[in-house]
Amino acid sequence: MERRILLTECPDSKGLIAKITSACYKFQYNIIKNDQFVSYEDSRFFMRTDLEGEFGNNNAFVNEVEKLLPEGGVCQLVPVRRKKVLILVTKESHVLGDLLMKSYSGALPIDIVGVIGNYDILEDLTKKFNIPFITVPHNDISREEHEQRMLEAISKFEFDYVVLAKYMRVLTPTFVDHFKKGTLINIHHSFLPAFIGAKPYQQAFDRGVKIIGATAHFVTNDLDEGPIIAQDVIKVSHNYSAEAMAKAGRDVERQVLNRALSRVIDDKVFIHGNKTIVF
């Protein structure tokens, strides 16, 4: 028996769940789990259906479902498999180290195909896991030239997602536009939309905040304003310096990125405008 995930998005209308599940029965697919949501602001329907069966040629089933949907509806049937992830880094090791360990142990079903950094500081750590590391220095060249060299390095790998694991470079729209929507994932060391951009822990310290957090989001052309996948916070007090806040925040960053990546690779995230539906 094989596993597939049916992802459906369309204008809302009566009887959609019954129609889709009837199509599953017609093709003798067993529904393991079904999640659905309606965005009432714009009457948009979302459904994720975890299926088991003998699939063979999927086109007939997908065509059957699409015929049942209202105009403007889309669906896709995706395989359940390990996803290939490419990681971009700068100097900090805690997020990269966590992803390497979780991939190695099987706690996160991903294959890390490579790591690219603008410094070589994390090369030794990466190679301990027999994963290729490419350094693309940014010194003494323009941002545009550096991004072009980054794209050349990225083109050497096949991947499903690119994770910015504390990659401390602002990406230009030209760079972002090279990637399919929903491919780039960033972990931002702040509870967005507060404290966007550089040095968010210093910004938080300067404001005397009592909670700090982290946000995992898809990358768009708007700095740190892409659709949010996961967030979390911890409490701090006036006793915390900016450095102490940053140290405390590292655990939150790891946990939030792990949670977000788990949902994304399990095909549990729909992008809806600048928001997400996360099952």
C-alpha atoms as a PDB file:
ATOM      1  CA  MET A   1       0.000   0.000   0.000  1.00  0.00           C
ATOM      2  CA  GLU A   2       1.200   3.490  -0.878  1.00  0.00           C
ATOM      3  CA  ARG A   3       0.616   6.828   0.843  1.00  0.00           C
ATOM      4  CA  ARG A   4      -0.347  10.074  -0.866  1.00  0.00           C
ATOM      5  CA  ILE A   5      -1.570  13.466   0.321  1.00  0.00           C
ATOM      6  CA  LEU A   6      -4.431  15.147  -1.546  1.00  0.00           C
ATOM      7  CA  LEU A   7      -4.269  18.949  -1.225  1.00  0.00           C
ATOM      8  CA  THR A   8      -7.384  20.826  -2.267  1.00  0.00           C
ATOM      9  CA  GLU A   9      -8.056  24.576  -2.423  1.00  0.00           C
ATOM     10  CA  CYS A  10     -11.138  26.169  -3.975  1.00  0.00           C
ATOM     11  CA  PRO A  11     -14.023  28.577  -3.440  1.00  0.00           C
ATOM     12  CA  ASP A  12     -16.248  27.249  -0.679  1.00  0.00           C
ATOM     13  CA  SER A  13     -19.529  25.580  -1.592  1.00  0.00           C
ATOM     14  CA  LYS A  14     -21.920  23.050  -0.100  1.00  0.00           C
ATOM     15  CA  GLY A  15     -21.038  19.370  -0.109  1.00  0.00           C
ATOM     16  CA  LEU A  16     -17.339  19.674  -0.927  1.00  0.00           C
ATOM     17  CA  ILE A  17     -16.175  17.225   1.716  1.00  0.00           C
ATOM     18  CA  ALA A  18     -18.765  14.655   0.653  1.00  0.00           C
ATOM     19  CA  LYS A  19     -17.826  15.028  -3.025  1.00  0.00           C
ATOM     20  CA  ILE A  20     -14.093  14.668  -2.424  1.00  0.00           C
ATOM     21  CA  THR A  21     -14.396  11.731  -0.048  1.00  0.00           C
ATOM     22  CA  SER A  22     -16.793  10.018  -2.475  1.00  0.00           C
ATOM     23  CA  ALA A  23     -14.131  10.303  -5.170  1.00  0.00           C
ATOM     24  CA  CYS A  24     -11.654   8.712  -2.783  1.00  0.00           C
ATOM     25  CA  TYR A  25     -14.086   5.823  -2.210  1.00  0.00           C
ATOM     26  CA  LYS A  26     -14.689   5.456  -5.950  1.00  0.00           C
ATOM     27  CA  PHE A  27     -10.950   4.881  -6.469  1.00  0.00           C
ATOM     28  CA  GLN A  28     -10.797   2.628  -3.395  1.00  0.00           C
ATOM     29  CA  TYR A  29      -8.458   4.890  -1.420  1.00  0.00           C
ATOM     30  CA  ASN A  30      -8.556   4.667   2.352  1.00  0.00           C
ATOM     31  CA  ILE A  31      -8.719   8.024   4.153  1.00  0.00           C
ATOM     32  CA  ILE A  32      -6.292   7.926   7.073  1.00  0.00           C
ATOM     33  CA  LYS A  33      -6.906  11.524   8.170  1.00  0.00           C
ATOM     34  CA  ASN A  34      -8.796  14.500   6.847  1.00  0.00           C
ATOM     35  CA  ASP A  35      -8.384  18.170   7.807  1.00  0.00           C
ATOM     36  CA  GLN A  36     -10.338  21.078   6.399  1.00  0.00           C
ATOM     37  CA  PHE A  37     -10.745  24.801   6.952  1.00  0.00           C
ATOM     38  CA  VAL A  38     -12.841  27.593   5.460  1.00  0.00           C
ATOM     39  CA  SER A  39     -11.567  31.154   5.383  1.00  0.00           C
ATOM     40  CA  TYR A  40     -14.864  32.946   5.883  1.00  0.00           C
ATOM     41  CA  GLU A  41     -13.422  36.356   4.977  1.00  0.00           C
ATOM     42  CA  ASP A  42     -13.155  35.283   1.337  1.00  0.00           C
ATOM     43  CA  SER A  43     -15.052  31.950   1.357  1.00  0.00           C
ATOM     44  CA  ARG A  44     -11.993  29.893   0.489  1.00  0.00           C
ATOM     45  CA  PHE A  45     -11.950  26.145   1.248  1.00  0.00           C
ATOM     46  CA  PHE A  46      -8.805  24.190   2.138  1.00  0.00           C
ATOM     47  CA  MET A  47      -8.511  20.445   2.718  1.00  0.00           C
ATOM     48  CA  ARG A  48      -5.661  18.028   3.337  1.00  0.00           C
ATOM     49  CA  THR A  49      -6.524  14.348   2.908  1.00  0.00           C
ATOM     50  CA  ASP A  50      -4.069  11.628   3.923  1.00  0.00           C
ATOM     51  CA  LEU A  51      -4.712   8.629   1.666  1.00  0.00           C
ATOM     52  CA  GLU A  52      -3.603   5.013   1.438  1.00  0.00           C
ATOM     53  CA  GLY A  53      -4.055   2.699  -1.521  1.00  0.00           C
ATOM     54  CA  GLU A  54      -2.756   1.496  -4.876  1.00  0.00           C
ATOM     55  CA  PHE A  55      -2.323   4.668  -6.897  1.00  0.00           C
ATOM     56  CA  GLY A  56      -0.702   3.743 -10.217  1.00  0.00           C
ATOM     57  CA  ASN A  57      -1.623   6.542 -12.645  1.00  0.00           C
ATOM     58  CA  ASN A  58      -2.791   9.427 -10.443  1.00  0.00           C
ATOM     59  CA  ASN A  59      -4.118  11.584 -13.267  1.00  0.00           C
ATOM     60  CA  ALA A  60      -7.543   9.945 -13.440  1.00  0.00           C
ATOM     61  CA  PHE A  61      -8.176  10.504  -9.730  1.00  0.00           C
ATOM     62  CA  VAL A  62      -6.945  14.117  -9.765  1.00  0.00           C
ATOM     63  CA  ASN A  63      -9.053  14.853 -12.843  1.00  0.00           C
ATOM     64  CA  GLU A  64     -12.085  13.338 -11.109  1.00  0.00           C
ATOM     65  CA  VAL A  65     -11.631  15.546  -8.050  1.00  0.00           C
ATOM     66  CA  GLU A  66     -11.036  18.695 -10.110  1.00  0.00           C
ATOM     67  CA  LYS A  67     -14.327  18.129 -11.966  1.00  0.00           C
ATOM     68  CA  LEU A  68     -16.122  18.199  -8.609  1.00  0.00           C
ATOM     69  CA  LEU A  69     -14.632  21.509  -7.504  1.00  0.00           C
ATOM     70  CA  PRO A  70     -16.076  24.971  -8.167  1.00  0.00           C
ATOM     71  CA  GLU A  71     -14.459  27.093 -10.852  1.00  0.00           C
ATOM     72  CA  GLY A  72     -11.035  28.252  -9.694  1.00  0.00           C
ATOM     73  CA  GLY A  73     -10.429  25.159  -7.599  1.00  0.00           C
ATOM     74  CA  VAL A  74      -7.111  23.311  -7.656  1.00  0.00           C
ATOM     75  CA  CYS A  75      -5.864  20.045  -6.215  1.00  0.00           C
ATOM     76  CA  GLN A  76      -2.693  18.017  -6.261  1.00  0.00           C
ATOM     77  CA  LEU A  77      -1.728  14.553  -5.112  1.00  0.00           C
ATOM     78  CA  VAL A  78       1.734  14.496  -3.563  1.00  0.00           C
ATOM     79  CA  PRO A  79       3.809  11.521  -2.387  1.00  0.00           C
ATOM     80  CA  VAL A  80       4.741  10.977   1.238  1.00  0.00           C
ATOM     81  CA  ARG A  81       8.545  11.077   1.202  1.00  0.00           C
ATOM     82  CA  ARG A  82      11.619  12.597   2.781  1.00  0.00           C
ATOM     83  CA  LYS A  83      12.216  16.122   1.553  1.00  0.00           C
ATOM     84  CA  LYS A  84      15.538  17.477   0.292  1.00  0.00           C
ATOM     85  CA  VAL A  85      16.691  20.608   2.125  1.00  0.00           C
ATOM     86  CA  LEU A  86      19.489  23.048   1.307  1.00  0.00           C
ATOM     87  CA  ILE A  87      20.675  25.233   4.196  1.00  0.00           C
ATOM     88  CA  LEU A  88      22.136  28.750   4.089  1.00  0.00           C
ATOM     89  CA  VAL A  89      24.198  29.916   7.086  1.00  0.00           C
ATOM     90  CA  THR A  90      26.467  32.681   8.329  1.00  0.00           C
ATOM     91  CA  LYS A  91      28.281  32.172  11.648  1.00  0.00           C
ATOM     92  CA  GLU A  92      25.852  30.879  14.291  1.00  0.00           C
ATOM     93  CA  SER A  93      25.829  27.107  14.737  1.00  0.00           C
ATOM     94  CA  HIS A  94      22.841  26.343  16.964  1.00  0.00           C
ATOM     95  CA  VAL A  95      20.147  26.131  14.275  1.00  0.00           C
ATOM     96  CA  LEU A  96      22.331  24.299  11.761  1.00  0.00           C
ATOM     97  CA  GLY A  97      23.553  21.875  14.435  1.00  0.00           C
ATOM     98  CA  ASP A  98      19.998  21.093  15.484  1.00  0.00           C
ATOM     99  CA  LEU A  99      18.906  20.396  11.889  1.00  0.00           C
ATOM    100  CA  LEU A 100      21.955  18.208  11.243  1.00  0.00           C
ATOM    101  CA  MET A 101      21.264  16.118  14.352  1.00  0.00           C
ATOM    102  CA  LYS A 102      17.546  15.787  13.678  1.00  0.00           C
ATOM    103  CA  SER A 103      18.179  14.712  10.093  1.00  0.00           C
ATOM    104  CA  TYR A 104      20.886  12.251  11.196  1.00  0.00           C
ATOM    105  CA  SER A 105      18.724  10.720  13.930  1.00  0.00           C
ATOM    106  CA  GLY A 106      15.573  10.575  11.818  1.00  0.00           C
ATOM    107  CA  ALA A 107      13.677  12.910  14.147  1.00  0.00           C
ATOM    108  CA  LEU A 108      13.071  15.139  11.139  1.00  0.00           C
ATOM    109  CA  PRO A 109      12.471  13.308   7.819  1.00  0.00           C
ATOM    110  CA  ILE A 110      14.734  15.465   5.689  1.00  0.00           C
ATOM    111  CA  ASP A 111      17.879  14.880   3.668  1.00  0.00           C
ATOM    112  CA  ILE A 112      20.226  17.845   3.953  1.00  0.00           C
ATOM    113  CA  VAL A 113      21.795  17.989   0.501  1.00  0.00           C
ATOM    114  CA  GLY A 114      24.266  20.768   1.262  1.00  0.00           C
ATOM    115  CA  VAL A 115      25.131  23.856   3.285  1.00  0.00           C
ATOM    116  CA  ILE A 116      26.208  27.191   1.826  1.00  0.00           C
ATOM    117  CA  GLY A 117      27.677  29.979   3.943  1.00  0.00           C
ATOM    118  CA  ASN A 118      29.148  33.412   3.448  1.00  0.00           C
ATOM    119  CA  TYR A 119      31.819  32.389   5.989  1.00  0.00           C
ATOM    120  CA  ASP A 120      33.598  29.021   6.342  1.00  0.00           C
ATOM    121  CA  ILE A 121      33.153  28.924  10.144  1.00  0.00           C
ATOM    122  CA  LEU A 122      30.558  26.127  10.043  1.00  0.00           C
ATOM    123  CA  GLU A 123      32.302  23.979   7.441  1.00  0.00           C
ATOM    124  CA  ASP A 124      33.909  21.593   9.954  1.00  0.00           C
ATOM    125  CA  LEU A 125      30.591  21.021  11.732  1.00  0.00           C
ATOM    126  CA  THR A 126      28.819  20.299   8.444  1.00  0.00           C
ATOM    127  CA  LYS A 127      31.460  17.896   7.161  1.00  0.00           C
ATOM    128  CA  LYS A 128      31.244  15.818  10.362  1.00  0.00           C
ATOM    129  CA  PHE A 129      27.918  14.675   8.892  1.00  0.00           C
ATOM    130  CA  ASN A 130      29.434  14.034   5.434  1.00  0.00           C
ATOM    131  CA  ILE A 131      27.459  16.890   3.928  1.00  0.00           C
ATOM    132  CA  PRO A 132      29.055  19.221   1.341  1.00  0.00           C
ATOM    133  CA  PHE A 133      29.747  22.811   2.360  1.00  0.00           C
ATOM    134  CA  ILE A 134      30.344  25.692  -0.045  1.00  0.00           C
ATOM    135  CA  THR A 135      31.713  29.063   1.045  1.00  0.00           C
ATOM    136  CA  VAL A 136      30.643  32.116  -0.945  1.00  0.00           C
ATOM    137  CA  PRO A 137      32.449  35.124   0.590  1.00  0.00           C
ATOM    138  CA  HIS A 138      30.697  38.485   0.395  1.00  0.00           C
ATOM    139  CA  ASN A 139      33.635  40.751   1.191  1.00  0.00           C
ATOM    140  CA  ASP A 140      34.819  43.272  -1.401  1.00  0.00           C
ATOM    141  CA  ILE A 141      32.029  42.564  -3.871  1.00  0.00           C
ATOM    142  CA  SER A 142      28.599  44.091  -4.407  1.00  0.00           C
ATOM    143  CA  ARG A 143      25.438  42.539  -3.002  1.00  0.00           C
ATOM    144  CA  GLU A 144      24.299  41.778  -6.535  1.00  0.00           C
ATOM    145  CA  GLU A 145      27.516  39.970  -7.407  1.00  0.00           C
ATOM    146  CA  HIS A 146      27.420  38.010  -4.163  1.00  0.00           C
ATOM    147  CA  GLU A 147      23.855  36.908  -4.788  1.00  0.00           C
ATOM    148  CA  GLN A 148      24.763  35.816  -8.298  1.00  0.00           C
ATOM    149  CA  ARG A 149      27.561  33.672  -6.890  1.00  0.00           C
ATOM    150  CA  MET A 150      25.131  32.302  -4.292  1.00  0.00           C
ATOM    151  CA  LEU A 151      22.680  31.342  -7.032  1.00  0.00           C
ATOM    152  CA  GLU A 152      25.464  29.595  -8.923  1.00  0.00           C
ATOM    153  CA  ALA A 153      26.326  27.596  -5.782  1.00  0.00           C
ATOM    154  CA  ILE A 154      22.660  26.818  -5.107  1.00  0.00           C
ATOM    155  CA  SER A 155      22.221  25.543  -8.685  1.00  0.00           C
ATOM    156  CA  LYS A 156      24.600  22.678  -7.895  1.00  0.00           C
ATOM    157  CA  PHE A 157      21.966  21.058  -5.651  1.00  0.00           C
ATOM    158  CA  GLU A 158      18.544  19.491  -6.079  1.00  0.00           C
ATOM    159  CA  PHE A 159      16.206  20.473  -3.249  1.00  0.00           C
ATOM    160  CA  ASP A 160      12.611  20.894  -2.188  1.00  0.00           C
ATOM    161  CA  TYR A 161      13.248  23.722   0.280  1.00  0.00           C
ATOM    162  CA  VAL A 162      15.949  26.237   1.157  1.00  0.00           C
ATOM    163  CA  VAL A 163      16.225  27.016   4.880  1.00  0.00           C
ATOM    164  CA  LEU A 164      17.857  30.227   6.059  1.00  0.00           C
ATOM    165  CA  ALA A 165      19.368  28.919   9.309  1.00  0.00           C
ATOM    166  CA  LYS A 166      20.523  32.251  10.720  1.00  0.00           C
ATOM    167  CA  TYR A 167      21.687  33.420   7.315  1.00  0.00           C
ATOM    168  CA  MET A 168      22.288  37.039   8.190  1.00  0.00           C
ATOM    169  CA  ARG A 169      21.994  38.635   4.781  1.00  0.00           C
ATOM    170  CA  VAL A 170      19.081  40.664   3.445  1.00  0.00           C
ATOM    171  CA  LEU A 171      17.885  39.055   0.216  1.00  0.00           C
ATOM    172  CA  THR A 172      17.004  41.224  -2.767  1.00  0.00           C
ATOM    173  CA  PRO A 173      13.783  40.716  -4.768  1.00  0.00           C
ATOM    174  CA  THR A 174      15.913  39.574  -7.708  1.00  0.00           C
ATOM    175  CA  PHE A 175      17.310  36.730  -5.594  1.00  0.00           C
ATOM    176  CA  VAL A 176      13.960  35.758  -4.058  1.00  0.00           C
ATOM    177  CA  ASP A 177      12.274  35.692  -7.470  1.00  0.00           C
ATOM    178  CA  HIS A 178      14.534  32.807  -8.536  1.00  0.00           C
ATOM    179  CA  PHE A 179      12.618  30.484  -6.199  1.00  0.00           C
ATOM    180  CA  LYS A 180       9.175  28.990  -6.354  1.00  0.00           C
ATOM    181  CA  LYS A 181       6.664  30.424  -3.890  1.00  0.00           C
ATOM    182  CA  GLY A 182       6.866  28.634  -0.545  1.00  0.00           C
ATOM    183  CA  THR A 183      10.393  27.305  -1.157  1.00  0.00           C
ATOM    184  CA  LEU A 184      12.410  29.712   1.026  1.00  0.00           C
ATOM    185  CA  ILE A 185      11.971  29.370   4.804  1.00  0.00           C
ATOM    186  CA  ASN A 186      13.560  31.720   7.347  1.00  0.00           C
ATOM    187  CA  ILE A 187      13.915  31.606  11.122  1.00  0.00           C
ATOM    188  CA  HIS A 188      13.772  35.134  12.496  1.00  0.00           C
ATOM    189  CA  HIS A 189      14.967  35.766  16.025  1.00  0.00           C
ATOM    190  CA  SER A 190      11.983  37.871  17.023  1.00  0.00           C
ATOM    191  CA  PHE A 191       8.233  37.548  17.500  1.00  0.00           C
ATOM    192  CA  LEU A 192       7.228  39.183  14.219  1.00  0.00           C
ATOM    193  CA  PRO A 193       5.916  41.675  13.252  1.00  0.00           C
ATOM    194  CA  ALA A 194       7.850  43.273  16.117  1.00  0.00           C
ATOM    195  CA  PHE A 195      11.546  44.068  15.695  1.00  0.00           C
ATOM    196  CA  ILE A 196      12.083  43.271  12.034  1.00  0.00           C
ATOM    197  CA  GLY A 197      15.511  43.551  10.443  1.00  0.00           C
ATOM    198  CA  ALA A 198      18.872  43.467  12.176  1.00  0.00           C
ATOM    199  CA  LYS A 199      19.663  43.097  15.893  1.00  0.00           C
ATOM    200  CA  PRO A 200      16.131  42.279  17.108  1.00  0.00           C
ATOM    201  CA  TYR A 201      17.362  41.271  20.584  1.00  0.00           C
ATOM    202  CA  GLN A 202      19.021  44.663  20.986  1.00  0.00           C
ATOM    203  CA  GLN A 203      15.786  46.264  19.790  1.00  0.00           C
ATOM    204  CA  ALA A 204      13.841  44.181  22.337  1.00  0.00           C
ATOM    205  CA  PHE A 205      16.258  45.116  25.119  1.00  0.00           C
ATOM    206  CA  ASP A 206      16.012  48.803  24.241  1.00  0.00           C
ATOM    207  CA  ARG A 207      12.208  48.576  24.525  1.00  0.00           C
ATOM    208  CA  GLY A 208      12.331  46.706  27.828  1.00  0.00           C
ATOM    209  CA  VAL A 209      10.157  43.823  26.614  1.00  0.00           C
ATOM    210  CA  LYS A 210       9.028  41.080  28.972  1.00  0.00           C
ATOM    211  CA  ILE A 211       8.771  38.337  26.370  1.00  0.00           C
ATOM    212  CA  ILE A 212      11.027  37.398  23.472  1.00  0.00           C
ATOM    213  CA  GLY A 213      10.299  34.956  20.717  1.00  0.00           C
ATOM    214  CA  ALA A 214      11.084  33.541  17.309  1.00  0.00           C
ATOM    215  CA  THR A 215       9.186  33.333  14.045  1.00  0.00           C
ATOM    216  CA  ALA A 216       9.534  30.891  11.159  1.00  0.00           C
ATOM    217  CA  HIS A 217       8.119  32.284   7.935  1.00  0.00           C
ATOM    218  CA  PHE A 218       8.248  31.976   4.183  1.00  0.00           C
ATOM    219  CA  VAL A 219      10.518  34.519   2.526  1.00  0.00           C
ATOM    220  CA  THR A 220       9.008  37.142   0.232  1.00  0.00           C
ATOM    221  CA  ASN A 221      10.256  40.412  -1.226  1.00  0.00           C
ATOM    222  CA  ASP A 222       9.102  42.238   1.907  1.00  0.00           C
ATOM    223  CA  LEU A 223      11.766  41.977   4.633  1.00  0.00           C
ATOM    224  CA  ASP A 224      10.626  39.653   7.437  1.00  0.00           C
ATOM    225  CA  GLU A 225       6.984  40.033   6.398  1.00  0.00           C
ATOM    226  CA  GLY A 226       6.350  36.729   4.602  1.00  0.00           C
ATOM    227  CA  PRO A 227       3.567  34.303   5.625  1.00  0.00           C
ATOM    228  CA  ILE A 228       4.170  33.073   9.177  1.00  0.00           C
ATOM    229  CA  ILE A 229       4.357  29.303   9.737  1.00  0.00           C
ATOM    230  CA  ALA A 230       5.144  29.020  13.462  1.00  0.00           C
ATOM    231  CA  GLN A 231       5.972  31.231  16.461  1.00  0.00           C
ATOM    232  CA  ASP A 232       6.727  30.918  20.163  1.00  0.00           C
ATOM    233  CA  VAL A 233       7.842  33.070  23.094  1.00  0.00           C
ATOM    234  CA  ILE A 234       9.553  32.848  26.471  1.00  0.00           C
ATOM    235  CA  LYS A 235       9.466  35.255  29.407  1.00  0.00           C
ATOM    236  CA  VAL A 236      12.363  37.550  30.268  1.00  0.00           C
ATOM    237  CA  SER A 237      12.826  40.344  32.794  1.00  0.00           C
ATOM    238  CA  HIS A 238      14.732  43.564  33.394  1.00  0.00           C
ATOM    239  CA  ASN A 239      17.638  41.406  34.613  1.00  0.00           C
ATOM    240  CA  TYR A 240      18.335  40.239  31.039  1.00  0.00           C
ATOM    241  CA  SER A 241      20.923  42.021  28.949  1.00  0.00           C
ATOM    242  CA  ALA A 242      20.623  41.991  25.166  1.00  0.00           C
ATOM    243  CA  GLU A 243      23.242  39.213  25.139  1.00  0.00           C
ATOM    244  CA  ALA A 244      21.300  37.179  27.725  1.00  0.00           C
ATOM    245  CA  MET A 245      18.143  37.583  25.655  1.00  0.00           C
ATOM    246  CA  ALA A 246      19.948  36.322  22.572  1.00  0.00           C
ATOM    247  CA  LYS A 247      21.266  33.297  24.476  1.00  0.00           C
ATOM    248  CA  ALA A 248      17.825  32.460  25.851  1.00  0.00           C
ATOM    249  CA  GLY A 249      16.298  32.921  22.427  1.00  0.00           C
ATOM    250  CA  ARG A 250      18.434  30.271  20.748  1.00  0.00           C
ATOM    251  CA  ASP A 251      16.355  27.419  22.149  1.00  0.00           C
ATOM    252  CA  VAL A 252      13.165  29.097  20.942  1.00  0.00           C
ATOM    253  CA  GLU A 253      14.643  29.557  17.478  1.00  0.00           C
ATOM    254  CA  ARG A 254      15.526  25.874  17.208  1.00  0.00           C
ATOM    255  CA  GLN A 255      12.120  24.735  18.437  1.00  0.00           C
ATOM    256  CA  VAL A 256      10.129  27.082  16.233  1.00  0.00           C
ATOM    257  CA  LEU A 257      12.060  26.208  13.070  1.00  0.00           C
ATOM    258  CA  ASN A 258      11.759  22.497  13.810  1.00  0.00           C
ATOM    259  CA  ARG A 259       8.001  22.835  14.299  1.00  0.00           C
ATOM    260  CA  ALA A 260       7.582  24.874  11.128  1.00  0.00           C
ATOM    261  CA  LEU A 261       9.745  22.603   9.007  1.00  0.00           C
ATOM    262  CA  SER A 262       7.893  19.533  10.292  1.00  0.00           C
ATOM    263  CA  ARG A 263       4.594  20.999   9.108  1.00  0.00           C
ATOM    264  CA  VAL A 264       5.945  22.126   5.751  1.00  0.00           C
ATOM    265  CA  ILE A 265       7.613  18.843   4.815  1.00  0.00           C
ATOM    266  CA  ASP A 266       4.458  16.964   5.824  1.00  0.00           C
ATOM    267  CA  ASP A 267       2.488  19.121   3.360  1.00  0.00           C
ATOM    268  CA  LYS A 268       0.391  20.594   6.162  1.00  0.00           C
ATOM    269  CA  VAL A 269       0.815  24.252   5.182  1.00  0.00           C
ATOM    270  CA  PHE A 270      -1.249  26.209   2.672  1.00  0.00           C
ATOM    271  CA  ILE A 271      -0.166  29.742   1.740  1.00  0.00           C
ATOM    272  CA  HIS A 272      -3.183  32.016   1.568  1.00  0.00           C
ATOM    273  CA  GLY A 273      -2.256  35.571   0.617  1.00  0.00           C
ATOM    274  CA  ASN A 274       0.196  36.707   3.265  1.00  0.00           C
ATOM    275  CA  LYS A 275      -1.095  34.179   5.800  1.00  0.00           C
ATOM    276  CA  THR A 276      -0.876  30.428   6.207  1.00  0.00           C
ATOM    277  CA  ILE A 277      -3.324  27.676   7.051  1.00  0.00           C
ATOM    278  CA  VAL A 278      -1.404  25.110   9.105  1.00  0.00           C
ATOM    279  CA  PHE A 279      -2.976  21.718   9.777  1.00  0.00           C
END
